[in-house]
Amino acid sequence: MIRPTTSFKDNLALLPPIDTIARLDLVDPDGALVASIENQPGKKGSIAVYQYLDQSFGLLDAGAATHGLAVFAEHTEDARNRPGAHPNIDRLLEIAAGATPLSIVIVATEKQG
């Protein structure tokens, strides 16, 4: 597990690559799809953090969410000040505050050729 710094960019450099991920699905305990995060510009940082949390914790519970907020570093404070501006951080804030834990399902990219 990484020791998060105060810089999201520095933290991202410590996380595993995401080049084989098409998207992440977030699933509630009943198996219902809560959200999907596509691996596309503007969401690659969230993909990296959520994949890392899945690998490190196995479940997006309060402990994982709290650690994820530290990894998001300066963006976490911005999310607190501007609810809705960072929905993937907002989700971590909710879970850290006691919302239902979620499972993370990694959907791989299709192999070419």
PDB file of N, CA and C in Angstrom:
ATOM      1  N   MET A   1       0.847  -1.176   0.000  1.00  0.00           N
ATOM      2  CA  MET A   1       0.000   0.000   0.000  1.00  0.00           C
ATOM      3  C   MET A   1       0.895   1.242   0.000  1.00  0.00           C
ATOM      4  N   ILE A   2       0.497   2.240  -0.780  1.00  0.00           N
ATOM      5  CA  ILE A   2       1.311   3.446  -0.853  1.00  0.00           C
ATOM      6  C   ILE A   2       1.055   4.345   0.349  1.00  0.00           C
ATOM      7  N   ARG A   3       2.014   5.210   0.614  1.00  0.00           N
ATOM      8  CA  ARG A   3       1.838   6.268   1.604  1.00  0.00           C
ATOM      9  C   ARG A   3       1.554   7.535   0.794  1.00  0.00           C
ATOM     10  N   PRO A   4       0.293   7.992   0.759  1.00  0.00           N
ATOM     11  CA  PRO A   4      -0.058   9.141  -0.074  1.00  0.00           C
ATOM     12  C   PRO A   4       0.698  10.416   0.323  1.00  0.00           C
ATOM     13  N   THR A   5       1.073  11.179  -0.695  1.00  0.00           N
ATOM     14  CA  THR A   5       1.683  12.482  -0.493  1.00  0.00           C
ATOM     15  C   THR A   5       0.584  13.536  -0.571  1.00  0.00           C
ATOM     16  N   THR A   6       0.947  14.792  -0.533  1.00  0.00           N
ATOM     17  CA  THR A   6      -0.039  15.869  -0.645  1.00  0.00           C
ATOM     18  C   THR A   6      -0.274  16.274  -2.098  1.00  0.00           C
ATOM     19  N   SER A   7       0.334  15.546  -3.028  1.00  0.00           N
ATOM     20  CA  SER A   7       0.199  15.852  -4.455  1.00  0.00           C
ATOM     21  C   SER A   7      -0.446  14.683  -5.192  1.00  0.00           C
ATOM     22  N   PHE A   8      -1.597  14.930  -5.813  1.00  0.00           N
ATOM     23  CA  PHE A   8      -2.275  13.884  -6.567  1.00  0.00           C
ATOM     24  C   PHE A   8      -1.386  13.387  -7.709  1.00  0.00           C
ATOM     25  N   LYS A   9      -0.719  14.297  -8.398  1.00  0.00           N
ATOM     26  CA  LYS A   9       0.162  13.899  -9.504  1.00  0.00           C
ATOM     27  C   LYS A   9       1.243  12.938  -9.013  1.00  0.00           C
ATOM     28  N   ASP A  10       1.849  13.239  -7.876  1.00  0.00           N
ATOM     29  CA  ASP A  10       2.878  12.353  -7.319  1.00  0.00           C
ATOM     30  C   ASP A  10       2.277  11.009  -6.917  1.00  0.00           C
ATOM     31  N   ASN A  11       1.087  11.029  -6.338  1.00  0.00           N
ATOM     32  CA  ASN A  11       0.426   9.786  -5.935  1.00  0.00           C
ATOM     33  C   ASN A  11       0.098   8.916  -7.151  1.00  0.00           C
ATOM     34  N   LEU A  12      -0.373   9.545  -8.228  1.00  0.00           N
ATOM     35  CA  LEU A  12      -0.700   8.796  -9.446  1.00  0.00           C
ATOM     36  C   LEU A  12       0.513   8.037  -9.970  1.00  0.00           C
ATOM     37  N   ALA A  13       1.680   8.638  -9.845  1.00  0.00           N
ATOM     38  CA  ALA A  13       2.904   8.001 -10.338  1.00  0.00           C
ATOM     39  C   ALA A  13       3.225   6.724  -9.565  1.00  0.00           C
ATOM     40  N   LEU A  14       2.649   6.562  -8.380  1.00  0.00           N
ATOM     41  CA  LEU A  14       2.893   5.388  -7.541  1.00  0.00           C
ATOM     42  C   LEU A  14       1.909   4.247  -7.808  1.00  0.00           C
ATOM     43  N   LEU A  15       0.868   4.513  -8.591  1.00  0.00           N
ATOM     44  CA  LEU A  15      -0.204   3.539  -8.798  1.00  0.00           C
ATOM     45  C   LEU A  15       0.048   2.664 -10.026  1.00  0.00           C
ATOM     46  N   PRO A  16      -0.538   1.455 -10.027  1.00  0.00           N
ATOM     47  CA  PRO A  16      -0.365   0.544 -11.172  1.00  0.00           C
ATOM     48  C   PRO A  16      -0.947   1.136 -12.456  1.00  0.00           C
ATOM     49  N   PRO A  17      -0.453   0.677 -13.606  1.00  0.00           N
ATOM     50  CA  PRO A  17      -0.973   1.161 -14.892  1.00  0.00           C
ATOM     51  C   PRO A  17      -2.431   0.750 -15.111  1.00  0.00           C
ATOM     52  N   ILE A  18      -3.104   1.508 -15.965  1.00  0.00           N
ATOM     53  CA  ILE A  18      -4.530   1.276 -16.222  1.00  0.00           C
ATOM     54  C   ILE A  18      -4.805   0.997 -17.696  1.00  0.00           C
ATOM     55  N   ASP A  19      -3.776   0.709 -18.474  1.00  0.00           N
ATOM     56  CA  ASP A  19      -3.932   0.593 -19.919  1.00  0.00           C
ATOM     57  C   ASP A  19      -4.770  -0.596 -20.371  1.00  0.00           C
ATOM     58  N   THR A  20      -5.017  -1.572 -19.523  1.00  0.00           N
ATOM     59  CA  THR A  20      -5.844  -2.721 -19.914  1.00  0.00           C
ATOM     60  C   THR A  20      -7.285  -2.613 -19.408  1.00  0.00           C
ATOM     61  N   ILE A  21      -7.638  -1.472 -18.841  1.00  0.00           N
ATOM     62  CA  ILE A  21      -8.979  -1.286 -18.272  1.00  0.00           C
ATOM     63  C   ILE A  21      -9.852  -0.476 -19.226  1.00  0.00           C
ATOM     64  N   ALA A  22     -11.023  -1.012 -19.535  1.00  0.00           N
ATOM     65  CA  ALA A  22     -12.006  -0.286 -20.341  1.00  0.00           C
ATOM     66  C   ALA A  22     -12.865   0.611 -19.442  1.00  0.00           C
ATOM     67  N   ARG A  23     -13.280   0.026 -18.305  1.00  0.00           N
ATOM     68  CA  ARG A  23     -14.097   0.784 -17.351  1.00  0.00           C
ATOM     69  C   ARG A  23     -14.112   0.038 -16.024  1.00  0.00           C
ATOM     70  N   LEU A  24     -14.592   0.736 -15.005  1.00  0.00           N
ATOM     71  CA  LEU A  24     -14.833   0.131 -13.695  1.00  0.00           C
ATOM     72  C   LEU A  24     -16.316   0.235 -13.406  1.00  0.00           C
ATOM     73  N   ASP A  25     -16.911  -0.843 -12.938  1.00  0.00           N
ATOM     74  CA  ASP A  25     -18.302  -0.820 -12.505  1.00  0.00           C
ATOM     75  C   ASP A  25     -18.325  -0.871 -10.986  1.00  0.00           C
ATOM     76  N   LEU A  26     -19.174  -0.056 -10.388  1.00  0.00           N
ATOM     77  CA  LEU A  26     -19.356  -0.044  -8.940  1.00  0.00           C
ATOM     78  C   LEU A  26     -20.698  -0.688  -8.640  1.00  0.00           C
ATOM     79  N   VAL A  27     -20.662  -1.717  -7.798  1.00  0.00           N
ATOM     80  CA  VAL A  27     -21.824  -2.566  -7.572  1.00  0.00           C
ATOM     81  C   VAL A  27     -22.156  -2.587  -6.086  1.00  0.00           C
ATOM     82  N   ASP A  28     -23.461  -2.469  -5.777  1.00  0.00           N
ATOM     83  CA  ASP A  28     -23.877  -2.493  -4.370  1.00  0.00           C
ATOM     84  C   ASP A  28     -23.970  -3.943  -3.872  1.00  0.00           C
ATOM     85  N   PRO A  29     -24.200  -4.140  -2.561  1.00  0.00           N
ATOM     86  CA  PRO A  29     -24.241  -5.501  -2.010  1.00  0.00           C
ATOM     87  C   PRO A  29     -25.323  -6.400  -2.615  1.00  0.00           C
ATOM     88  N   ASP A  30     -26.359  -5.808  -3.221  1.00  0.00           N
ATOM     89  CA  ASP A  30     -27.410  -6.595  -3.862  1.00  0.00           C
ATOM     90  C   ASP A  30     -27.076  -6.942  -5.307  1.00  0.00           C
ATOM     91  N   GLY A  31     -25.916  -6.484  -5.790  1.00  0.00           N
ATOM     92  CA  GLY A  31     -25.509  -6.773  -7.156  1.00  0.00           C
ATOM     93  C   GLY A  31     -25.962  -5.751  -8.180  1.00  0.00           C
ATOM     94  N   ALA A  32     -26.574  -4.664  -7.724  1.00  0.00           N
ATOM     95  CA  ALA A  32     -27.052  -3.637  -8.645  1.00  0.00           C
ATOM     96  C   ALA A  32     -25.909  -2.697  -9.031  1.00  0.00           C
ATOM     97  N   LEU A  33     -25.851  -2.344 -10.307  1.00  0.00           N
ATOM     98  CA  LEU A  33     -24.860  -1.402 -10.796  1.00  0.00           C
ATOM     99  C   LEU A  33     -25.204  -0.008 -10.296  1.00  0.00           C
ATOM    100  N   VAL A  34     -24.269   0.594  -9.569  1.00  0.00           N
ATOM    101  CA  VAL A  34     -24.473   1.932  -9.015  1.00  0.00           C
ATOM    102  C   VAL A  34     -23.900   2.990  -9.958  1.00  0.00           C
ATOM    103  N   ALA A  35     -22.731   2.694 -10.542  1.00  0.00           N
ATOM    104  CA  ALA A  35     -22.072   3.648 -11.431  1.00  0.00           C
ATOM    105  C   ALA A  35     -21.009   2.923 -12.242  1.00  0.00           C
ATOM    106  N   SER A  36     -20.645   3.524 -13.353  1.00  0.00           N
ATOM    107  CA  SER A  36     -19.522   3.059 -14.163  1.00  0.00           C
ATOM    108  C   SER A  36     -18.596   4.242 -14.390  1.00  0.00           C
ATOM    109  N   ILE A  37     -17.302   3.959 -14.394  1.00  0.00           N
ATOM    110  CA  ILE A  37     -16.308   4.987 -14.700  1.00  0.00           C
ATOM    111  C   ILE A  37     -15.556   4.507 -15.937  1.00  0.00           C
ATOM    112  N   GLU A  38     -15.716   5.222 -17.024  1.00  0.00           N
ATOM    113  CA  GLU A  38     -15.056   4.862 -18.278  1.00  0.00           C
ATOM    114  C   GLU A  38     -13.605   5.318 -18.247  1.00  0.00           C
ATOM    115  N   ASN A  39     -12.730   4.538 -18.855  1.00  0.00           N
ATOM    116  CA  ASN A  39     -11.322   4.899 -18.964  1.00  0.00           C
ATOM    117  C   ASN A  39     -11.178   5.847 -20.149  1.00  0.00           C
ATOM    118  N   GLN A  40     -11.360   7.124 -19.864  1.00  0.00           N
ATOM    119  CA  GLN A  40     -11.297   8.153 -20.891  1.00  0.00           C
ATOM    120  C   GLN A  40     -10.681   9.409 -20.286  1.00  0.00           C
ATOM    121  N   PRO A  41     -10.230  10.344 -21.125  1.00  0.00           N
ATOM    122  CA  PRO A  41      -9.635  11.567 -20.598  1.00  0.00           C
ATOM    123  C   PRO A  41     -10.546  12.229 -19.565  1.00  0.00           C
ATOM    124  N   GLY A  42      -9.938  12.705 -18.503  1.00  0.00           N
ATOM    125  CA  GLY A  42     -10.681  13.349 -17.423  1.00  0.00           C
ATOM    126  C   GLY A  42     -11.097  12.383 -16.330  1.00  0.00           C
ATOM    127  N   LYS A  43     -11.003  11.072 -16.606  1.00  0.00           N
ATOM    128  CA  LYS A  43     -11.400  10.072 -15.618  1.00  0.00           C
ATOM    129  C   LYS A  43     -10.289   9.064 -15.346  1.00  0.00           C
ATOM    130  N   LYS A  44      -9.170   9.196 -16.031  1.00  0.00           N
ATOM    131  CA  LYS A  44      -8.080   8.237 -15.885  1.00  0.00           C
ATOM    132  C   LYS A  44      -7.519   8.216 -14.463  1.00  0.00           C
ATOM    133  N   GLY A  45      -7.460   9.375 -13.812  1.00  0.00           N
ATOM    134  CA  GLY A  45      -6.995   9.427 -12.426  1.00  0.00           C
ATOM    135  C   GLY A  45      -7.916   8.647 -11.504  1.00  0.00           C
ATOM    136  N   SER A  46      -9.214   8.798 -11.703  1.00  0.00           N
ATOM    137  CA  SER A  46     -10.178   8.050 -10.894  1.00  0.00           C
ATOM    138  C   SER A  46     -10.065   6.553 -11.153  1.00  0.00           C
ATOM    139  N   ILE A  47      -9.879   6.176 -12.420  1.00  0.00           N
ATOM    140  CA  ILE A  47      -9.697   4.756 -12.753  1.00  0.00           C
ATOM    141  C   ILE A  47      -8.494   4.206 -11.992  1.00  0.00           C
ATOM    142  N   ALA A  48      -7.390   4.950 -12.013  1.00  0.00           N
ATOM    143  CA  ALA A  48      -6.171   4.487 -11.341  1.00  0.00           C
ATOM    144  C   ALA A  48      -6.387   4.344  -9.836  1.00  0.00           C
ATOM    145  N   VAL A  49      -7.034   5.325  -9.219  1.00  0.00           N
ATOM    146  CA  VAL A  49      -7.257   5.275  -7.773  1.00  0.00           C
ATOM    147  C   VAL A  49      -8.205   4.133  -7.407  1.00  0.00           C
ATOM    148  N   TYR A  50      -9.309   4.013  -8.116  1.00  0.00           N
ATOM    149  CA  TYR A  50     -10.287   2.968  -7.785  1.00  0.00           C
ATOM    150  C   TYR A  50      -9.707   1.569  -8.016  1.00  0.00           C
ATOM    151  N   GLN A  51      -8.927   1.389  -9.104  1.00  0.00           N
ATOM    152  CA  GLN A  51      -8.285   0.100  -9.330  1.00  0.00           C
ATOM    153  C   GLN A  51      -7.338  -0.222  -8.174  1.00  0.00           C
ATOM    154  N   TYR A  52      -6.552   0.767  -7.771  1.00  0.00           N
ATOM    155  CA  TYR A  52      -5.625   0.601  -6.652  1.00  0.00           C
ATOM    156  C   TYR A  52      -6.380   0.237  -5.368  1.00  0.00           C
ATOM    157  N   LEU A  53      -7.489   0.913  -5.108  1.00  0.00           N
ATOM    158  CA  LEU A  53      -8.275   0.613  -3.907  1.00  0.00           C
ATOM    159  C   LEU A  53      -8.818  -0.808  -3.958  1.00  0.00           C
ATOM    160  N   ASP A  54      -9.248  -1.248  -5.133  1.00  0.00           N
ATOM    161  CA  ASP A  54      -9.733  -2.618  -5.284  1.00  0.00           C
ATOM    162  C   ASP A  54      -8.610  -3.614  -4.995  1.00  0.00           C
ATOM    163  N   GLN A  55      -7.438  -3.365  -5.538  1.00  0.00           N
ATOM    164  CA  GLN A  55      -6.304  -4.263  -5.330  1.00  0.00           C
ATOM    165  C   GLN A  55      -5.849  -4.268  -3.870  1.00  0.00           C
ATOM    166  N   SER A  56      -5.929  -3.130  -3.210  1.00  0.00           N
ATOM    167  CA  SER A  56      -5.429  -3.010  -1.839  1.00  0.00           C
ATOM    168  C   SER A  56      -6.434  -3.429  -0.773  1.00  0.00           C
ATOM    169  N   PHE A  57      -7.729  -3.186  -1.034  1.00  0.00           N
ATOM    170  CA  PHE A  57      -8.749  -3.422  -0.015  1.00  0.00           C
ATOM    171  C   PHE A  57      -9.754  -4.499  -0.388  1.00  0.00           C
ATOM    172  N   GLY A  58     -10.013  -4.703  -1.678  1.00  0.00           N
ATOM    173  CA  GLY A  58     -10.971  -5.706  -2.110  1.00  0.00           C
ATOM    174  C   GLY A  58     -12.420  -5.280  -2.012  1.00  0.00           C
ATOM    175  N   LEU A  59     -12.694  -4.185  -1.322  1.00  0.00           N
ATOM    176  CA  LEU A  59     -14.052  -3.663  -1.160  1.00  0.00           C
ATOM    177  C   LEU A  59     -13.940  -2.171  -0.910  1.00  0.00           C
ATOM    178  N   LEU A  60     -14.815  -1.416  -1.511  1.00  0.00           N
ATOM    179  CA  LEU A  60     -14.816   0.030  -1.314  1.00  0.00           C
ATOM    180  C   LEU A  60     -15.653   0.341  -0.077  1.00  0.00           C
ATOM    181  N   ASP A  61     -15.016   0.161   1.086  1.00  0.00           N
ATOM    182  CA  ASP A  61     -15.680   0.433   2.362  1.00  0.00           C
ATOM    183  C   ASP A  61     -15.112   1.724   2.947  1.00  0.00           C
ATOM    184  N   ALA A  62     -15.474   2.043   4.186  1.00  0.00           N
ATOM    185  CA  ALA A  62     -15.050   3.308   4.790  1.00  0.00           C
ATOM    186  C   ALA A  62     -13.529   3.432   4.853  1.00  0.00           C
ATOM    187  N   GLY A  63     -12.830   2.357   5.183  1.00  0.00           N
ATOM    188  CA  GLY A  63     -11.370   2.401   5.254  1.00  0.00           C
ATOM    189  C   GLY A  63     -10.742   2.657   3.900  1.00  0.00           C
ATOM    190  N   ALA A  64     -11.231   1.959   2.878  1.00  0.00           N
ATOM    191  CA  ALA A  64     -10.718   2.152   1.522  1.00  0.00           C
ATOM    192  C   ALA A  64     -11.022   3.564   1.033  1.00  0.00           C
ATOM    193  N   ALA A  65     -12.231   4.036   1.307  1.00  0.00           N
ATOM    194  CA  ALA A  65     -12.625   5.368   0.861  1.00  0.00           C
ATOM    195  C   ALA A  65     -11.766   6.440   1.517  1.00  0.00           C
ATOM    196  N   THR A  66     -11.501   6.292   2.804  1.00  0.00           N
ATOM    197  CA  THR A  66     -10.665   7.264   3.510  1.00  0.00           C
ATOM    198  C   THR A  66      -9.261   7.299   2.919  1.00  0.00           C
ATOM    199  N   HIS A  67      -8.718   6.131   2.625  1.00  0.00           N
ATOM    200  CA  HIS A  67      -7.395   6.063   2.005  1.00  0.00           C
ATOM    201  C   HIS A  67      -7.438   6.689   0.603  1.00  0.00           C
ATOM    202  N   GLY A  68      -8.488   6.401  -0.143  1.00  0.00           N
ATOM    203  CA  GLY A  68      -8.647   6.985  -1.474  1.00  0.00           C
ATOM    204  C   GLY A  68      -8.707   8.502  -1.439  1.00  0.00           C
ATOM    205  N   LEU A  69      -9.351   9.049  -0.431  1.00  0.00           N
ATOM    206  CA  LEU A  69      -9.410  10.511  -0.296  1.00  0.00           C
ATOM    207  C   LEU A  69      -8.015  11.088  -0.079  1.00  0.00           C
ATOM    208  N   ALA A  70      -7.172  10.383   0.662  1.00  0.00           N
ATOM    209  CA  ALA A  70      -5.790  10.824   0.861  1.00  0.00           C
ATOM    210  C   ALA A  70      -5.015  10.755  -0.455  1.00  0.00           C
ATOM    211  N   VAL A  71      -5.282   9.726  -1.267  1.00  0.00           N
ATOM    212  CA  VAL A  71      -4.602   9.591  -2.556  1.00  0.00           C
ATOM    213  C   VAL A  71      -5.012  10.720  -3.501  1.00  0.00           C
ATOM    214  N   PHE A  72      -6.277  11.103  -3.474  1.00  0.00           N
ATOM    215  CA  PHE A  72      -6.733  12.208  -4.317  1.00  0.00           C
ATOM    216  C   PHE A  72      -6.152  13.548  -3.871  1.00  0.00           C
ATOM    217  N   ALA A  73      -5.574  13.600  -2.695  1.00  0.00           N
ATOM    218  CA  ALA A  73      -4.812  14.740  -2.178  1.00  0.00           C
ATOM    219  C   ALA A  73      -5.580  16.063  -2.304  1.00  0.00           C
ATOM    220  N   GLU A  74      -5.007  17.024  -3.005  1.00  0.00           N
ATOM    221  CA  GLU A  74      -5.586  18.368  -3.077  1.00  0.00           C
ATOM    222  C   GLU A  74      -6.960  18.385  -3.744  1.00  0.00           C
ATOM    223  N   HIS A  75      -7.279  17.384  -4.533  1.00  0.00           N
ATOM    224  CA  HIS A  75      -8.595  17.338  -5.179  1.00  0.00           C
ATOM    225  C   HIS A  75      -9.710  17.020  -4.178  1.00  0.00           C
ATOM    226  N   THR A  76      -9.354  16.365  -3.077  1.00  0.00           N
ATOM    227  CA  THR A  76     -10.357  16.047  -2.050  1.00  0.00           C
ATOM    228  C   THR A  76     -10.905  17.326  -1.429  1.00  0.00           C
ATOM    229  N   GLU A  77     -10.034  18.265  -1.102  1.00  0.00           N
ATOM    230  CA  GLU A  77     -10.491  19.537  -0.520  1.00  0.00           C
ATOM    231  C   GLU A  77     -11.360  20.296  -1.516  1.00  0.00           C
ATOM    232  N   ASP A  78     -10.968  20.273  -2.789  1.00  0.00           N
ATOM    233  CA  ASP A  78     -11.769  20.937  -3.818  1.00  0.00           C
ATOM    234  C   ASP A  78     -13.146  20.291  -3.914  1.00  0.00           C
ATOM    235  N   ALA A  79     -13.198  18.968  -3.815  1.00  0.00           N
ATOM    236  CA  ALA A  79     -14.486  18.261  -3.872  1.00  0.00           C
ATOM    237  C   ALA A  79     -15.362  18.635  -2.674  1.00  0.00           C
ATOM    238  N   ARG A  80     -14.744  18.777  -1.512  1.00  0.00           N
ATOM    239  CA  ARG A  80     -15.524  19.183  -0.322  1.00  0.00           C
ATOM    240  C   ARG A  80     -16.106  20.583  -0.499  1.00  0.00           C
ATOM    241  N   ASN A  81     -15.343  21.458  -1.144  1.00  0.00           N
ATOM    242  CA  ASN A  81     -15.778  22.841  -1.335  1.00  0.00           C
ATOM    243  C   ASN A  81     -16.735  23.023  -2.502  1.00  0.00           C
ATOM    244  N   ARG A  82     -16.725  22.058  -3.431  1.00  0.00           N
ATOM    245  CA  ARG A  82     -17.576  22.161  -4.617  1.00  0.00           C
ATOM    246  C   ARG A  82     -18.276  20.840  -4.884  1.00  0.00           C
ATOM    247  N   PRO A  83     -19.266  20.466  -4.045  1.00  0.00           N
ATOM    248  CA  PRO A  83     -19.973  19.200  -4.247  1.00  0.00           C
ATOM    249  C   PRO A  83     -20.503  19.095  -5.675  1.00  0.00           C
ATOM    250  N   GLY A  84     -20.291  17.914  -6.263  1.00  0.00           N
ATOM    251  CA  GLY A  84     -20.740  17.678  -7.630  1.00  0.00           C
ATOM    252  C   GLY A  84     -19.660  17.902  -8.674  1.00  0.00           C
ATOM    253  N   ALA A  85     -18.610  18.636  -8.331  1.00  0.00           N
ATOM    254  CA  ALA A  85     -17.540  18.913  -9.298  1.00  0.00           C
ATOM    255  C   ALA A  85     -16.654  17.689  -9.525  1.00  0.00           C
ATOM    256  N   HIS A  86     -16.574  16.822  -8.522  1.00  0.00           N
ATOM    257  CA  HIS A  86     -15.736  15.616  -8.604  1.00  0.00           C
ATOM    258  C   HIS A  86     -16.565  14.413  -8.125  1.00  0.00           C
ATOM    259  N   PRO A  87     -17.465  13.897  -8.970  1.00  0.00           N
ATOM    260  CA  PRO A  87     -18.383  12.847  -8.507  1.00  0.00           C
ATOM    261  C   PRO A  87     -17.692  11.589  -7.974  1.00  0.00           C
ATOM    262  N   ASN A  88     -16.533  11.242  -8.517  1.00  0.00           N
ATOM    263  CA  ASN A  88     -15.859  10.031  -8.036  1.00  0.00           C
ATOM    264  C   ASN A  88     -15.216  10.244  -6.668  1.00  0.00           C
ATOM    265  N   ILE A  89     -14.877  11.480  -6.345  1.00  0.00           N
ATOM    266  CA  ILE A  89     -14.410  11.803  -4.994  1.00  0.00           C
ATOM    267  C   ILE A  89     -15.613  11.956  -4.067  1.00  0.00           C
ATOM    268  N   ASP A  90     -16.689  12.555  -4.563  1.00  0.00           N
ATOM    269  CA  ASP A  90     -17.919  12.681  -3.759  1.00  0.00           C
ATOM    270  C   ASP A  90     -18.364  11.307  -3.265  1.00  0.00           C
ATOM    271  N   ARG A  91     -18.271  10.306  -4.130  1.00  0.00           N
ATOM    272  CA  ARG A  91     -18.665   8.937  -3.757  1.00  0.00           C
ATOM    273  C   ARG A  91     -17.800   8.438  -2.594  1.00  0.00           C
ATOM    274  N   LEU A  92     -16.497   8.709  -2.654  1.00  0.00           N
ATOM    275  CA  LEU A  92     -15.610   8.293  -1.556  1.00  0.00           C
ATOM    276  C   LEU A  92     -15.960   9.025  -0.268  1.00  0.00           C
ATOM    277  N   LEU A  93     -16.270  10.299  -0.372  1.00  0.00           N
ATOM    278  CA  LEU A  93     -16.672  11.072   0.821  1.00  0.00           C
ATOM    279  C   LEU A  93     -17.918  10.452   1.454  1.00  0.00           C
ATOM    280  N   GLU A  94     -18.886  10.061   0.632  1.00  0.00           N
ATOM    281  CA  GLU A  94     -20.124   9.455   1.138  1.00  0.00           C
ATOM    282  C   GLU A  94     -19.838   8.121   1.834  1.00  0.00           C
ATOM    283  N   ILE A  95     -19.016   7.292   1.209  1.00  0.00           N
ATOM    284  CA  ILE A  95     -18.713   5.982   1.794  1.00  0.00           C
ATOM    285  C   ILE A  95     -17.893   6.143   3.070  1.00  0.00           C
ATOM    286  N   ALA A  96     -16.945   7.077   3.072  1.00  0.00           N
ATOM    287  CA  ALA A  96     -16.152   7.330   4.283  1.00  0.00           C
ATOM    288  C   ALA A  96     -17.046   7.788   5.431  1.00  0.00           C
ATOM    289  N   ALA A  97     -18.141   8.471   5.084  1.00  0.00           N
ATOM    290  CA  ALA A  97     -19.072   8.970   6.100  1.00  0.00           C
ATOM    291  C   ALA A  97     -20.113   7.934   6.505  1.00  0.00           C
ATOM    292  N   GLY A  98     -20.051   6.714   5.939  1.00  0.00           N
ATOM    293  CA  GLY A  98     -20.953   5.667   6.383  1.00  0.00           C
ATOM    294  C   GLY A  98     -21.907   5.115   5.355  1.00  0.00           C
ATOM    295  N   ALA A  99     -21.825   5.582   4.106  1.00  0.00           N
ATOM    296  CA  ALA A  99     -22.700   5.030   3.064  1.00  0.00           C
ATOM    297  C   ALA A  99     -22.324   3.565   2.801  1.00  0.00           C
ATOM    298  N   THR A 100     -23.220   2.850   2.152  1.00  0.00           N
ATOM    299  CA  THR A 100     -23.032   1.430   1.865  1.00  0.00           C
ATOM    300  C   THR A 100     -21.764   1.175   1.058  1.00  0.00           C
ATOM    301  N   PRO A 101     -20.951   0.214   1.489  1.00  0.00           N
ATOM    302  CA  PRO A 101     -19.758  -0.152   0.713  1.00  0.00           C
ATOM    303  C   PRO A 101     -20.143  -0.693  -0.668  1.00  0.00           C
ATOM    304  N   LEU A 102     -19.221  -0.548  -1.606  1.00  0.00           N
ATOM    305  CA  LEU A 102     -19.440  -1.014  -2.969  1.00  0.00           C
ATOM    306  C   LEU A 102     -18.322  -1.952  -3.388  1.00  0.00           C
ATOM    307  N   SER A 103     -18.645  -2.856  -4.302  1.00  0.00           N
ATOM    308  CA  SER A 103     -17.632  -3.690  -4.938  1.00  0.00           C
ATOM    309  C   SER A 103     -17.183  -2.989  -6.209  1.00  0.00           C
ATOM    310  N   ILE A 104     -15.934  -3.191  -6.568  1.00  0.00           N
ATOM    311  CA  ILE A 104     -15.381  -2.622  -7.790  1.00  0.00           C
ATOM    312  C   ILE A 104     -15.141  -3.777  -8.759  1.00  0.00           C
ATOM    313  N   VAL A 105     -15.756  -3.685  -9.938  1.00  0.00           N
ATOM    314  CA  VAL A 105     -15.585  -4.711 -10.965  1.00  0.00           C
ATOM    315  C   VAL A 105     -14.794  -4.075 -12.098  1.00  0.00           C
ATOM    316  N   ILE A 106     -13.628  -4.641 -12.386  1.00  0.00           N
ATOM    317  CA  ILE A 106     -12.776  -4.129 -13.449  1.00  0.00           C
ATOM    318  C   ILE A 106     -13.156  -4.815 -14.755  1.00  0.00           C
ATOM    319  N   VAL A 107     -13.484  -4.015 -15.758  1.00  0.00           N
ATOM    320  CA  VAL A 107     -13.827  -4.525 -17.077  1.00  0.00           C
ATOM    321  C   VAL A 107     -12.634  -4.247 -17.986  1.00  0.00           C
ATOM    322  N   ALA A 108     -11.998  -5.301 -18.461  1.00  0.00           N
ATOM    323  CA  ALA A 108     -10.793  -5.175 -19.276  1.00  0.00           C
ATOM    324  C   ALA A 108     -11.126  -4.763 -20.706  1.00  0.00           C
ATOM    325  N   THR A 109     -10.158  -4.132 -21.336  1.00  0.00           N
ATOM    326  CA  THR A 109     -10.303  -3.813 -22.758  1.00  0.00           C
ATOM    327  C   THR A 109     -10.263  -5.099 -23.555  1.00  0.00           C
ATOM    328  N   GLU A 110     -10.887  -5.081 -24.706  1.00  0.00           N
ATOM    329  CA  GLU A 110     -10.868  -6.276 -25.567  1.00  0.00           C
ATOM    330  C   GLU A 110      -9.510  -6.349 -26.253  1.00  0.00           C
ATOM    331  N   LYS A 111      -8.999  -7.551 -26.340  1.00  0.00           N
ATOM    332  CA  LYS A 111      -7.701  -7.748 -26.992  1.00  0.00           C
ATOM    333  C   LYS A 111      -7.842  -7.558 -28.487  1.00  0.00           C
ATOM    334  N   GLN A 112      -6.866  -6.886 -29.072  1.00  0.00           N
ATOM    335  CA  GLN A 112      -6.841  -6.640 -30.522  1.00  0.00           C
ATOM    336  C   GLN A 112      -6.161  -7.804 -31.233  1.00  0.00           C
ATOM    337  N   GLY A 113      -6.643  -8.133 -32.428  1.00  0.00           N
ATOM    338  CA  GLY A 113      -5.973  -9.058 -33.307  1.00  0.00           C
ATOM    339  C   GLY A 113      -6.146 -10.478 -32.962  1.00  0.00           C
TER     340      GLY A 113
END
